[in-house]
Amino acid sequence: MQIHVEKLDEKTFRVEVAGPPATTHTVTVEPGYYEKLTGGSVPVETLIEKSFEFLLEREPNTSILRRFSLPVIQSYFPEYESTIRRMLG
């Protein structure tokens, strides 16, 4: 599935996942969490895109929350932080 990330402001992003059916999500990322996961090595949009790839491997786009803060993924999928670091590394 194609994932498009659009920056709305410093912490807020709109994510469109191509369908069918297409879905739109609003994701917030605090700078400290971005730094924790990436060390600043990739743009925040890349972190979000890879995070959606991670989610889409585990559930359909229609099951992904429409609005959430990125750390919420860890509460549903405990392997998220270690996996996303590998995906970005």
Protein backbone atom coordinates (compact mmCIF):
# COMPACT_ATOMS: atom_id res chain seq x y z
CA MET A 1 0.00 0.00 0.00
CA GLN A 2 1.18 3.48 -0.78
CA ILE A 3 1.72 5.80 2.20
CA HIS A 4 1.83 9.59 1.88
CA VAL A 5 2.95 11.74 4.83
CA GLU A 6 2.21 15.47 4.92
CA LYS A 7 3.55 17.79 7.61
CA LEU A 8 0.83 20.00 9.12
CA ASP A 9 3.00 21.61 11.81
CA GLU A 10 6.12 20.78 13.85
CA LYS A 11 4.47 17.87 15.67
CA THR A 12 1.43 16.96 13.55
CA PHE A 13 1.26 14.98 10.31
CA ARG A 14 -1.52 13.77 8.03
CA VAL A 15 -0.97 10.26 6.73
CA GLU A 16 -2.89 8.95 3.74
CA VAL A 17 -2.88 5.24 3.07
CA ALA A 18 -3.98 4.24 -0.43
CA GLY A 19 -6.85 1.78 -0.54
CA PRO A 20 -9.06 0.28 -1.24
CA PRO A 21 -10.35 1.62 0.97
CA ALA A 22 -8.17 4.69 1.40
CA THR A 23 -7.76 6.00 4.94
CA THR A 24 -6.49 9.24 6.46
CA HIS A 25 -4.81 9.49 9.84
CA THR A 26 -3.52 12.35 12.00
CA VAL A 27 -0.33 11.49 13.86
CA THR A 28 1.56 13.55 16.42
CA VAL A 29 5.24 13.06 17.21
CA GLU A 30 7.00 14.82 20.06
CA PRO A 31 10.60 15.85 19.28
CA GLY A 32 11.96 13.83 22.21
CA TYR A 33 10.31 10.63 21.00
CA TYR A 34 11.55 11.24 17.45
CA GLU A 35 15.09 11.67 18.83
CA LYS A 36 14.76 8.55 20.99
CA LEU A 37 13.85 6.38 17.99
CA THR A 38 16.04 7.92 15.28
CA GLY A 39 18.80 9.95 16.90
CA GLY A 40 17.93 12.52 14.24
CA SER A 41 19.29 10.23 11.52
CA VAL A 42 16.22 10.40 9.26
CA PRO A 43 13.46 12.96 8.61
CA VAL A 44 10.44 12.64 10.89
CA GLU A 45 8.32 11.88 7.81
CA THR A 46 10.46 8.77 7.21
CA LEU A 47 9.88 7.64 10.79
CA ILE A 48 6.13 8.00 10.31
CA GLU A 49 6.14 6.24 6.94
CA LYS A 50 8.13 3.30 8.35
CA SER A 51 5.83 3.22 11.38
CA PHE A 52 2.85 2.82 9.07
CA GLU A 53 4.66 0.07 7.15
CA PHE A 54 5.15 -1.63 10.54
CA LEU A 55 1.45 -1.26 11.35
CA LEU A 56 0.28 -2.43 7.92
CA GLU A 57 2.28 -5.64 8.30
CA ARG A 58 0.15 -6.36 11.38
CA GLU A 59 -3.32 -4.98 10.61
CA PRO A 60 -5.39 -3.50 7.77
CA ASN A 61 -5.33 0.27 7.31
CA THR A 62 -8.97 0.43 8.39
CA SER A 63 -7.95 -0.86 11.84
CA ILE A 64 -5.30 1.82 12.42
CA LEU A 65 -6.48 4.60 14.73
CA ARG A 66 -7.53 7.75 12.85
CA ARG A 67 -5.79 10.04 15.34
CA PHE A 68 -2.92 9.04 17.63
CA SER A 69 0.45 9.96 19.04
CA LEU A 70 3.28 7.77 17.76
CA PRO A 71 4.19 6.24 21.18
CA VAL A 72 0.71 4.63 21.28
CA ILE A 73 1.97 2.01 18.80
CA GLN A 74 4.29 0.62 21.50
CA SER A 75 1.31 -0.05 23.80
CA TYR A 76 -0.38 -2.21 21.13
CA PHE A 77 2.80 -3.79 19.73
CA PRO A 78 5.59 -4.10 22.35
CA GLU A 79 8.13 -4.89 19.63
CA TYR A 80 7.53 -1.55 17.86
CA GLU A 81 10.48 0.49 19.16
CA SER A 82 13.10 -2.20 18.62
CA THR A 83 11.68 -3.09 15.20
CA ILE A 84 11.44 0.48 13.97
CA ARG A 85 15.06 1.14 14.96
CA ARG A 86 16.09 -1.87 12.85
CA MET A 87 13.91 -0.72 9.95
CA LEU A 88 15.57 2.70 10.03
CA GLY A 89 19.08 1.43 10.69
